[in-house]
């Protein structure tokens, strides 16, 4: 395999210039950089990160910690982070830190301490006090996507506002019996901050509409099967059946739609459903949702982390990506018969 000396010779530059052109560290004229990169490609040269780390003290690797990788949001973030790092010529080390598992404990207690990365991106994790201490003890820059911020740089959406707007959309369509589905039971264990904020936004919208006493949260695992199971129980009792459901995320909302269809409940004629995310299957299920962009959040997180790695005095900052309401056919106005059963006229505006 060709070395840096052969690349430099072929490009007609010094080894130092060739190194700067390939690592991006230090000024090199654009035409020179292009000539060096062309020579490297022709010779099949691959830079050794081990050799570079001996000189720079850096691994050119980023650690990525997330609680699960099977859920759509986390998979999108993972692909987005990897795409941005590869574009920059950096490597990625993934840590799948499922809550409450021995693997998670080992990651925080042992593997992060080995410091085989120059910075860390924490996605949607809610660390306990011990884990926060371990993150700080690593001594490397950390950026959060969703979840906690802990005084570090973070990028997220306004989860409370997204749930508030989802609920308000249903209220404006005339719905009163609106149930929030998804996430763990409130007050039971460590609840992800995004879920806490989304439940809070839902309850806030219900309260502002004078319907706080009607607010109800039905817990479920955050997945399509979890939403399906919760919705089967919820919708199976016609006496307590809501006219609308806000899913903690699109996967739960899609599971709800599948459950409704199997129970013979028509969406949106009998039940309106709204989610949060704009999952890749949302359009297929005609799901009304609050759209977020996890890949863009990933790109911003990598950009912020690089700023911290390159600069000593970079102050933490928080980027809040807006979520946009996308109205599809899973939501519709409350029908006249439902308004009548609630003691309202078809044209009445909810004020109580």
Protein backbone atom coordinates (compact mmCIF):
# COMPACT_ATOMS: atom_id res chain seq x y z
CA UNK A 1 0.00 0.00 0.00
CA UNK A 2 1.29 3.47 -0.88
CA UNK A 3 2.60 5.76 1.85
CA UNK A 4 2.42 9.51 2.32
CA UNK A 5 5.88 9.92 0.73
CA UNK A 6 4.71 8.32 -2.53
CA UNK A 7 1.59 10.50 -2.55
CA UNK A 8 3.73 13.62 -2.03
CA UNK A 9 6.15 12.57 -4.79
CA UNK A 10 3.33 11.94 -7.27
CA UNK A 11 1.67 15.26 -6.45
CA UNK A 12 4.95 17.16 -6.53
CA UNK A 13 4.71 18.50 -2.99
CA UNK A 14 6.40 17.95 0.35
CA UNK A 15 5.22 15.25 2.78
CA UNK A 16 4.05 17.99 5.18
CA UNK A 17 1.94 19.62 2.49
CA UNK A 18 0.50 16.26 1.46
CA UNK A 19 -0.38 15.53 5.07
CA UNK A 20 -2.11 18.89 5.53
CA UNK A 21 -4.04 18.41 2.28
CA UNK A 22 -5.31 14.99 3.32
CA UNK A 23 -6.09 15.75 6.98
CA UNK A 24 -7.57 19.21 6.42
CA UNK A 25 -5.30 20.65 9.12
CA UNK A 26 -3.48 23.80 8.10
CA UNK A 27 -3.74 25.93 4.99
CA UNK A 28 -3.28 24.35 1.56
CA UNK A 29 -4.26 25.98 -1.72
CA UNK A 30 -7.33 24.39 -3.23
CA UNK A 31 -5.60 23.34 -6.47
CA UNK A 32 -2.79 21.75 -4.42
CA UNK A 33 -5.27 19.96 -2.19
CA UNK A 34 -7.08 18.61 -5.26
CA UNK A 35 -3.78 17.44 -6.79
CA UNK A 36 -2.80 15.62 -3.56
CA UNK A 37 -6.20 14.01 -3.19
CA UNK A 38 -6.08 12.88 -6.81
CA UNK A 39 -2.65 11.35 -6.25
CA UNK A 40 -3.83 9.59 -3.09
CA UNK A 41 -6.83 8.15 -4.91
CA UNK A 42 -4.70 6.96 -7.82
CA UNK A 43 -2.26 5.23 -5.46
CA UNK A 44 -4.96 3.79 -3.21
CA UNK A 45 -3.56 5.64 -0.21
CA UNK A 46 -5.50 5.33 3.06
CA UNK A 47 -4.45 7.55 5.95
CA UNK A 48 -3.58 5.73 9.16
CA UNK A 49 -5.58 7.15 12.04
CA UNK A 50 -3.21 5.43 14.48
CA UNK A 51 -0.23 7.20 12.98
CA UNK A 52 -2.08 10.50 12.91
CA UNK A 53 -3.12 10.15 16.53
CA UNK A 54 0.51 9.78 17.59
CA UNK A 55 1.17 13.20 16.09
CA UNK A 56 -2.05 15.04 16.88
CA UNK A 57 -3.24 13.18 19.98
CA UNK A 58 -6.57 12.59 18.24
CA UNK A 59 -8.29 9.46 17.04
CA UNK A 60 -10.51 11.11 14.42
CA UNK A 61 -13.32 8.99 15.85
CA UNK A 62 -16.62 10.10 17.38
CA UNK A 63 -18.52 8.03 19.95
CA UNK A 64 -22.30 7.77 19.56
CA UNK A 65 -24.42 6.64 22.52
CA UNK A 66 -28.13 5.88 22.09
CA UNK A 67 -30.68 3.79 24.04
CA UNK A 68 -31.87 1.80 21.03
CA UNK A 69 -31.18 1.57 17.32
CA UNK A 70 -34.32 -0.21 16.06
CA UNK A 71 -36.65 2.78 16.48
CA UNK A 72 -37.00 5.00 13.41
CA UNK A 73 -35.77 8.22 15.02
CA UNK A 74 -32.56 6.65 16.34
CA UNK A 75 -31.87 4.81 13.08
CA UNK A 76 -32.25 8.08 11.17
CA UNK A 77 -29.89 9.88 13.56
CA UNK A 78 -27.34 7.07 13.29
CA UNK A 79 -27.35 7.24 9.50
CA UNK A 80 -27.20 11.03 9.58
CA UNK A 81 -24.23 11.11 11.96
CA UNK A 82 -22.39 8.45 9.97
CA UNK A 83 -23.00 10.25 6.68
CA UNK A 84 -21.67 13.55 8.04
CA UNK A 85 -18.63 11.94 9.66
CA UNK A 86 -17.73 10.00 6.53
CA UNK A 87 -17.98 13.22 4.54
CA UNK A 88 -15.43 14.70 6.93
CA UNK A 89 -13.21 11.60 6.89
CA UNK A 90 -13.94 10.67 10.50
CA UNK A 91 -14.79 7.30 12.05
CA UNK A 92 -17.72 6.30 14.28
CA UNK A 93 -17.95 4.07 17.35
CA UNK A 94 -21.53 3.11 18.30
CA UNK A 95 -22.61 2.33 21.87
CA UNK A 96 -26.09 0.77 22.15
CA UNK A 97 -26.94 1.68 25.77
CA UNK A 98 -30.33 0.12 26.47
CA UNK A 99 -31.69 1.39 29.82
CA UNK A 100 -31.43 -0.95 32.78
CA UNK A 101 -29.11 -3.46 31.09
CA UNK A 102 -25.64 -4.73 32.11
CA UNK A 103 -24.44 -3.56 28.69
CA UNK A 104 -25.36 0.04 29.52
CA UNK A 105 -23.57 -0.15 32.86
CA UNK A 106 -20.45 -1.51 31.15
CA UNK A 107 -20.55 1.26 28.54
CA UNK A 108 -20.68 4.04 31.14
CA UNK A 109 -18.37 2.42 33.69
CA UNK A 110 -15.72 0.99 31.38
CA UNK A 111 -15.87 1.60 27.65
CA UNK A 112 -16.39 5.38 27.67
CA UNK A 113 -13.44 5.68 30.03
CA UNK A 114 -11.12 4.20 27.43
CA UNK A 115 -11.52 7.43 25.46
CA UNK A 116 -11.22 5.86 22.03
CA UNK A 117 -12.85 8.94 20.54
CA UNK A 118 -12.35 12.69 20.35
CA UNK A 119 -15.94 13.61 21.22
CA UNK A 120 -19.25 12.05 22.09
CA UNK A 121 -22.82 12.47 20.80
CA UNK A 122 -25.51 11.31 23.24
CA UNK A 123 -28.87 10.66 21.57
CA UNK A 124 -32.07 10.58 23.60
CA UNK A 125 -30.46 9.23 26.77
CA UNK A 126 -31.58 10.20 30.26
CA UNK A 127 -28.51 9.50 32.38
CA UNK A 128 -28.80 9.08 36.13
CA UNK A 129 -26.45 10.99 38.45
CA UNK A 130 -23.76 8.30 38.24
CA UNK A 131 -23.88 8.25 34.45
CA UNK A 132 -23.66 12.04 34.27
CA UNK A 133 -20.53 11.85 36.42
CA UNK A 134 -19.06 9.28 34.07
CA UNK A 135 -19.78 11.45 31.03
CA UNK A 136 -18.08 14.41 32.68
CA UNK A 137 -15.14 12.26 33.78
CA UNK A 138 -14.45 11.25 30.18
CA UNK A 139 -13.11 14.76 29.66
CA UNK A 140 -14.14 14.91 26.01
CA UNK A 141 -16.64 17.29 24.33
CA UNK A 142 -20.23 16.02 24.47
CA UNK A 143 -23.23 17.09 22.39
CA UNK A 144 -26.78 15.89 23.00
CA UNK A 145 -29.52 15.18 20.47
CA UNK A 146 -32.84 15.24 22.28
CA UNK A 147 -32.94 14.08 25.86
CA UNK A 148 -30.94 15.89 28.51
CA UNK A 149 -28.73 18.90 27.92
CA UNK A 150 -26.86 19.08 31.25
CA UNK A 151 -25.30 22.41 30.34
CA UNK A 152 -23.76 20.99 27.16
CA UNK A 153 -24.46 21.82 23.54
CA UNK A 154 -27.67 20.23 22.34
CA UNK A 155 -29.97 20.03 19.33
CA UNK A 156 -33.60 19.00 19.62
CA UNK A 157 -37.15 19.93 18.72
CA UNK A 158 -39.53 21.65 21.12
CA UNK A 159 -41.27 18.43 22.19
CA UNK A 160 -43.81 20.18 24.42
CA UNK A 161 -44.78 22.56 21.63
CA UNK A 162 -45.07 19.70 19.11
CA UNK A 163 -47.49 17.79 21.37
CA UNK A 164 -49.37 21.01 22.18
CA UNK A 165 -49.87 21.74 18.48
CA UNK A 166 -50.91 18.14 17.76
CA UNK A 167 -53.52 18.34 20.53
CA UNK A 168 -54.65 21.81 19.52
CA UNK A 169 -55.18 20.56 15.96
CA UNK A 170 -57.64 17.97 17.30
CA UNK A 171 -59.35 20.50 19.58
CA UNK A 172 -59.88 22.84 16.64
CA UNK A 173 -61.58 19.94 14.83
CA UNK A 174 -64.10 19.76 17.67
CA UNK A 175 -62.70 16.84 19.67
CA UNK A 176 -63.00 16.70 23.46
CA UNK A 177 -62.25 13.10 24.36
CA UNK A 178 -58.59 13.18 23.37
CA UNK A 179 -56.21 10.58 24.83
CA UNK A 180 -52.41 10.64 24.77
CA UNK A 181 -50.92 7.21 24.04
CA UNK A 182 -47.33 6.07 24.52
CA UNK A 183 -44.38 6.22 26.87
CA UNK A 184 -44.02 4.86 30.37
CA UNK A 185 -46.38 5.61 33.23
CA UNK A 186 -45.87 9.14 34.52
CA UNK A 187 -43.78 9.10 37.69
CA UNK A 188 -42.65 5.50 37.16
CA UNK A 189 -38.89 5.23 36.77
CA UNK A 190 -36.69 7.33 34.52
CA UNK A 191 -38.86 8.73 31.77
CA UNK A 192 -37.11 10.10 28.66
CA UNK A 193 -37.24 13.89 28.65
CA UNK A 194 -38.82 13.97 25.19
CA UNK A 195 -41.72 11.84 26.45
CA UNK A 196 -42.10 13.98 29.59
CA UNK A 197 -42.23 17.13 27.46
CA UNK A 198 -44.72 15.66 25.00
CA UNK A 199 -47.11 14.57 27.75
CA UNK A 200 -46.70 18.01 29.29
CA UNK A 201 -47.53 19.73 25.99
CA UNK A 202 -50.64 17.58 25.57
CA UNK A 203 -51.86 18.34 29.10
CA UNK A 204 -51.14 22.03 28.59
CA UNK A 205 -53.29 22.16 25.44
CA UNK A 206 -56.11 20.29 27.16
CA UNK A 207 -55.90 22.63 30.15
CA UNK A 208 -55.92 25.78 28.05
CA UNK A 209 -59.07 24.49 26.30
CA UNK A 210 -60.76 23.99 29.68
CA UNK A 211 -60.58 20.21 29.40
CA UNK A 212 -57.91 19.35 31.95
CA UNK A 213 -60.23 16.90 33.69
CA UNK A 214 -60.62 14.97 30.42
CA UNK A 215 -56.86 14.55 29.89
CA UNK A 216 -55.73 10.93 29.98
CA UNK A 217 -52.37 9.29 29.36
CA UNK A 218 -52.31 5.61 28.36
CA UNK A 219 -48.76 4.20 28.66
CA UNK A 220 -47.23 1.87 26.08
CA UNK A 221 -43.86 0.87 24.77
CA UNK A 222 -42.66 3.32 22.13
CA UNK A 223 -43.16 1.12 19.08
CA UNK A 224 -45.85 0.08 16.57
CA UNK A 225 -46.64 -3.13 18.51
CA UNK A 226 -46.76 -1.11 21.74
CA UNK A 227 -49.17 1.42 20.26
CA UNK A 228 -51.25 -1.38 18.77
CA UNK A 229 -51.57 -3.24 22.10
CA UNK A 230 -52.47 -0.09 24.04
CA UNK A 231 -55.02 0.97 21.41
CA UNK A 232 -56.72 -2.45 21.35
CA UNK A 233 -57.41 -2.14 25.08
CA UNK A 234 -58.36 1.53 24.86
CA UNK A 235 -60.64 1.28 21.83
CA UNK A 236 -62.16 -2.06 22.73
CA UNK A 237 -64.38 -0.45 25.39
CA UNK A 238 -66.97 1.57 23.47
CA UNK A 239 -68.12 3.30 26.67
CA UNK A 240 -64.72 4.87 27.26
CA UNK A 241 -63.61 5.16 23.64
CA UNK A 242 -62.04 8.54 22.75
CA UNK A 243 -62.77 10.37 19.53
CA UNK A 244 -59.11 11.28 19.02
CA UNK A 245 -55.64 10.08 20.00
CA UNK A 246 -52.26 11.80 20.15
CA UNK A 247 -49.41 9.31 19.78
CA UNK A 248 -46.14 10.01 21.59
CA UNK A 249 -44.54 9.30 18.20
CA UNK A 250 -45.60 8.16 14.75
CA UNK A 251 -44.82 4.51 15.45
CA UNK A 252 -47.31 4.47 18.33
CA UNK A 253 -49.83 6.41 16.20
CA UNK A 254 -49.48 3.94 13.31
CA UNK A 255 -49.97 1.04 15.71
CA UNK A 256 -53.14 2.79 16.89
CA UNK A 257 -54.46 3.10 13.32
CA UNK A 258 -53.83 -0.61 12.69
CA UNK A 259 -55.69 -1.49 15.91
CA UNK A 260 -58.62 0.74 14.96
CA UNK A 261 -58.92 -0.85 11.52
CA UNK A 262 -58.95 -4.36 13.00
CA UNK A 263 -61.66 -3.33 15.45
CA UNK A 264 -63.78 -1.92 12.62
CA UNK A 265 -63.28 1.68 13.77
CA UNK A 266 -62.96 4.04 10.82
CA UNK A 267 -60.18 6.63 10.73
CA UNK A 268 -60.95 9.53 10.74
CA UNK A 269 -64.74 9.15 10.65
CA UNK A 270 -64.84 7.44 14.07
CA UNK A 271 -61.37 8.21 15.37
CA UNK A 272 -58.78 10.88 14.57
CA UNK A 273 -55.11 10.04 15.13
CA UNK A 274 -52.08 12.33 15.10
CA UNK A 275 -48.42 11.52 15.70
CA UNK A 276 -45.06 13.26 16.07
CA UNK A 277 -42.01 12.61 13.82
CA UNK A 278 -43.11 12.15 10.17
CA UNK A 279 -41.88 8.57 10.13
CA UNK A 280 -41.04 7.04 6.74
CA UNK A 281 -44.39 5.16 6.89
CA UNK A 282 -46.46 8.17 7.93
CA UNK A 283 -47.53 9.05 4.41
CA UNK A 284 -48.44 5.42 3.64
CA UNK A 285 -50.87 5.46 6.59
CA UNK A 286 -52.03 9.01 5.73
CA UNK A 287 -50.97 10.03 9.23
CA UNK A 288 -51.27 13.63 10.34
CA UNK A 289 -48.08 14.41 12.22
CA UNK A 290 -45.61 17.00 13.49
CA UNK A 291 -42.59 16.63 11.21
CA UNK A 292 -39.07 16.66 12.62
CA UNK A 293 -35.80 16.10 10.74
CA UNK A 294 -33.51 13.69 12.65
CA UNK A 295 -30.88 13.63 9.91
CA UNK A 296 -30.60 17.42 10.02
CA UNK A 297 -30.34 17.25 13.81
CA UNK A 298 -27.51 14.74 13.34
CA UNK A 299 -25.70 17.05 10.93
CA UNK A 300 -25.99 20.00 13.32
CA UNK A 301 -24.81 17.87 16.25
CA UNK A 302 -21.68 16.78 14.37
CA UNK A 303 -21.01 20.39 13.37
CA UNK A 304 -21.33 21.58 16.98
CA UNK A 305 -19.13 18.75 18.27
CA UNK A 306 -16.40 19.62 15.76
CA UNK A 307 -16.53 23.23 16.96
CA UNK A 308 -15.88 22.04 20.52
CA UNK A 309 -13.10 19.69 19.43
CA UNK A 310 -11.34 22.39 17.42
CA UNK A 311 -11.79 25.26 19.89
CA UNK A 312 -10.96 25.54 23.58
CA UNK A 313 -13.32 28.39 24.45
CA UNK A 314 -16.45 27.40 22.51
CA UNK A 315 -19.50 28.05 24.67
CA UNK A 316 -22.34 25.50 24.83
CA UNK A 317 -25.31 26.38 22.66
CA UNK A 318 -28.74 24.88 22.10
CA UNK A 319 -30.38 24.57 18.69
CA UNK A 320 -34.15 23.99 18.68
CA UNK A 321 -35.38 22.69 15.33
CA UNK A 322 -39.02 23.63 14.61
CA UNK A 323 -41.57 20.85 14.06
CA UNK A 324 -44.04 21.46 11.21
CA UNK A 325 -47.66 20.26 11.22
CA UNK A 326 -48.34 17.98 8.25
CA UNK A 327 -52.09 17.37 7.87
CA UNK A 328 -53.11 14.15 6.17
CA UNK A 329 -56.34 12.15 6.29
CA UNK A 330 -55.97 10.47 9.71
CA UNK A 331 -57.61 13.49 11.34
CA UNK A 332 -61.01 15.02 10.67
CA UNK A 333 -63.79 17.01 12.35
CA UNK A 334 -65.93 15.42 15.02
CA UNK A 335 -69.12 14.19 13.33
CA UNK A 336 -72.51 15.67 14.22
CA UNK A 337 -73.63 12.52 16.05
CA UNK A 338 -70.55 12.69 18.27
CA UNK A 339 -71.09 16.37 18.98
CA UNK A 340 -74.70 15.65 19.91
CA UNK A 341 -73.67 12.90 22.32
CA UNK A 342 -71.30 15.40 23.93
CA UNK A 343 -74.14 17.93 24.28
CA UNK A 344 -72.74 20.30 21.65
CA UNK A 345 -74.12 21.69 18.41
CA UNK A 346 -72.18 21.02 15.19
CA UNK A 347 -71.09 24.67 15.00
CA UNK A 348 -70.23 25.18 18.65
CA UNK A 349 -66.72 26.28 19.57
CA UNK A 350 -65.21 24.54 22.57
CA UNK A 351 -64.91 27.01 25.42
CA UNK A 352 -65.24 24.67 28.40
